[in-house]
Amino acid sequence: MIAGAALYVRPRGAPAYRRVPLEGRPGGRYAGAVPADLCGAPGTAVDLEYYVEGYGPGGEVRSRVGDAAHPARFGRAALPLVVGGPGVPRVPGWYTRWYVWAGVAAVVVGMSIGGYFAFRPTDVAITFGGR
C-alpha cells in the first residue's frame, strides 16, 4: 500500500533534485505541480529530469519510477510566443439589435406626425364671391 508520494525534479544536468510532495487523489493516484521557476519563461525550451517515489505507511520506499542515477526526462521545445491572439470575442452592444432601431424609427415618425398636427395653422379663410 502506498501512503504518500514525492516527485524529485531538476533541470537537466543540475547537481541536486528538488523534492515536491504529491497530494493523494481518489483511486490511488497522486498529483502535484513542477515549481514554476523550473518551467522557464513562456516560449523557452525546458529540459527536466525527474523521478517519483511512493512511500509506505512507515516512510519506506515502496515504489519508484526512475531514480537519481537514471531519471526520466521531460522536454519542451522553444515554441514561438504568440502575442495578440484571437482574444475575447466581442459581444454586440444593445444598440445593434433590430428592435431598438425599429423603436427609434417609430418614435421619429410619431414625433413628425405629432409636430405636423401641433404646429399647423388652425384658422381657415373662406372667401365668398369676389376677390
Protein backbone atom coordinates (compact mmCIF):
# COMPACT_ATOMS: atom_id res chain seq x y z
CA MET A 1 0.00 0.00 0.00
CA ILE A 2 1.28 3.47 -0.93
CA ALA A 3 0.64 6.09 1.78
CA GLY A 4 2.39 9.04 0.13
CA ALA A 5 4.49 10.05 -2.85
CA ALA A 6 7.04 12.65 -3.89
CA LEU A 7 8.41 13.97 -7.16
CA TYR A 8 12.12 14.77 -7.42
CA VAL A 9 12.87 17.15 -10.28
CA ARG A 10 15.80 19.20 -11.58
CA PRO A 11 16.91 20.94 -14.76
CA ARG A 12 18.92 18.51 -16.86
CA GLY A 13 22.47 18.23 -15.55
CA ALA A 14 21.85 20.24 -12.34
CA PRO A 15 23.61 18.85 -9.26
CA ALA A 16 20.58 18.45 -6.96
CA TYR A 17 16.96 17.40 -7.24
CA ARG A 18 14.13 19.42 -5.70
CA ARG A 19 11.57 17.40 -3.72
CA VAL A 20 7.91 18.14 -4.47
CA PRO A 21 5.35 16.37 -2.23
CA LEU A 22 2.41 14.91 -4.16
CA GLU A 23 -1.20 15.02 -2.94
CA GLY A 24 -3.27 11.85 -2.78
CA ARG A 25 -6.24 11.60 -5.17
CA PRO A 26 -9.06 9.04 -5.37
CA GLY A 27 -8.19 5.74 -6.97
CA GLY A 28 -4.63 5.60 -5.59
CA ARG A 29 -3.41 8.45 -7.77
CA TYR A 30 -1.15 11.34 -6.78
CA ALA A 31 -0.87 14.83 -8.24
CA GLY A 32 1.43 17.81 -7.91
CA ALA A 33 2.97 20.66 -9.87
CA VAL A 34 6.50 21.29 -11.04
CA PRO A 35 7.77 24.53 -9.44
CA ALA A 36 7.24 27.49 -11.77
CA ASP A 37 10.90 28.56 -11.72
CA LEU A 38 11.86 25.20 -13.28
CA CYS A 39 9.32 25.56 -16.11
CA GLY A 40 11.08 28.52 -17.73
CA ALA A 41 9.58 31.57 -19.33
CA PRO A 42 6.86 31.14 -21.96
CA GLY A 43 8.39 30.33 -25.31
CA THR A 44 11.68 28.96 -23.89
CA ALA A 45 12.92 25.39 -24.08
CA VAL A 46 12.65 23.22 -20.96
CA ASP A 47 14.61 20.02 -20.31
CA LEU A 48 13.89 18.39 -16.93
CA GLU A 49 14.98 15.17 -15.25
CA TYR A 50 12.74 13.60 -12.63
CA TYR A 51 11.83 10.51 -10.67
CA VAL A 52 8.92 9.61 -8.40
CA GLU A 53 8.95 7.64 -5.16
CA GLY A 54 5.92 6.06 -3.45
CA TYR A 55 6.15 5.60 0.34
CA GLY A 56 4.59 3.05 2.65
CA PRO A 57 2.91 3.92 5.97
CA GLY A 58 6.28 3.80 7.79
CA GLY A 59 8.02 6.11 5.27
CA GLU A 60 9.94 3.38 3.46
CA VAL A 61 10.17 3.49 -0.34
CA ARG A 62 7.65 1.01 -1.76
CA SER A 63 7.58 2.10 -5.39
CA ARG A 64 9.83 4.08 -7.68
CA VAL A 65 9.65 5.38 -11.25
CA GLY A 66 13.20 6.18 -12.30
CA ASP A 67 15.89 7.05 -9.77
CA ALA A 68 18.55 9.70 -9.18
CA ALA A 69 21.09 7.85 -11.35
CA HIS A 70 18.62 7.01 -14.15
CA PRO A 71 15.91 9.69 -14.18
CA ALA A 72 13.00 10.03 -16.55
CA ARG A 73 13.13 13.08 -18.80
CA PHE A 74 10.65 15.73 -19.84
CA GLY A 75 11.40 18.18 -22.62
CA ARG A 76 9.56 21.06 -24.22
CA ALA A 77 10.86 22.77 -27.35
CA ALA A 78 11.15 26.54 -27.53
CA LEU A 79 7.85 27.45 -29.13
CA PRO A 80 7.18 30.85 -30.67
CA LEU A 81 5.35 33.11 -28.27
CA VAL A 82 2.11 34.33 -29.83
CA VAL A 83 1.18 37.87 -28.86
CA GLY A 84 -2.20 39.40 -29.65
CA GLY A 85 -4.05 36.19 -30.40
CA PRO A 86 -7.76 35.94 -31.03
CA GLY A 87 -8.66 37.42 -27.65
CA VAL A 88 -12.08 37.52 -26.08
CA PRO A 89 -14.98 37.55 -28.54
CA ARG A 90 -16.75 40.92 -28.65
CA VAL A 91 -20.40 40.82 -27.63
CA PRO A 92 -22.54 43.17 -29.73
CA GLY A 93 -23.97 46.13 -27.83
CA TRP A 94 -27.67 46.60 -27.12
CA TYR A 95 -27.83 49.32 -29.81
CA THR A 96 -27.14 46.77 -32.58
CA ARG A 97 -30.45 44.95 -32.11
CA TRP A 98 -33.05 45.45 -34.87
CA TYR A 99 -35.89 46.19 -32.47
CA VAL A 100 -34.00 49.11 -30.91
CA TRP A 101 -33.76 50.82 -34.29
CA ALA A 102 -37.38 49.94 -35.14
CA GLY A 103 -38.39 51.66 -31.88
CA VAL A 104 -36.27 54.71 -32.70
CA ALA A 105 -37.88 54.92 -36.16
CA ALA A 106 -41.38 54.64 -34.63
CA VAL A 107 -40.61 57.50 -32.20
CA VAL A 108 -39.23 59.72 -35.01
CA VAL A 109 -42.28 59.05 -37.22
CA GLY A 110 -44.65 59.66 -34.30
CA MET A 111 -42.94 62.93 -33.37
CA SER A 112 -43.02 64.09 -37.02
CA ILE A 113 -46.76 63.43 -37.34
CA GLY A 114 -47.42 64.94 -33.91
CA GLY A 115 -45.36 68.01 -34.82
CA TYR A 116 -47.27 68.47 -38.05
CA PHE A 117 -50.65 68.45 -36.30
CA ALA A 118 -49.45 70.54 -33.37
CA PHE A 119 -48.00 73.37 -35.43
CA ARG A 120 -50.22 73.54 -38.50
CA PRO A 121 -52.36 76.65 -38.84
CA THR A 122 -55.88 76.19 -37.50
CA ASP A 123 -57.53 79.33 -38.95
CA VAL A 124 -59.29 78.82 -42.24
CA ALA A 125 -60.04 81.72 -44.56
CA ILE A 126 -63.14 81.43 -46.65
CA THR A 127 -63.72 83.94 -49.38
CA PHE A 128 -67.15 84.36 -50.97
CA GLY A 129 -67.86 85.88 -54.23
CA GLY A 130 -65.36 88.34 -55.34
CA ARG A 131 -61.93 88.97 -54.91
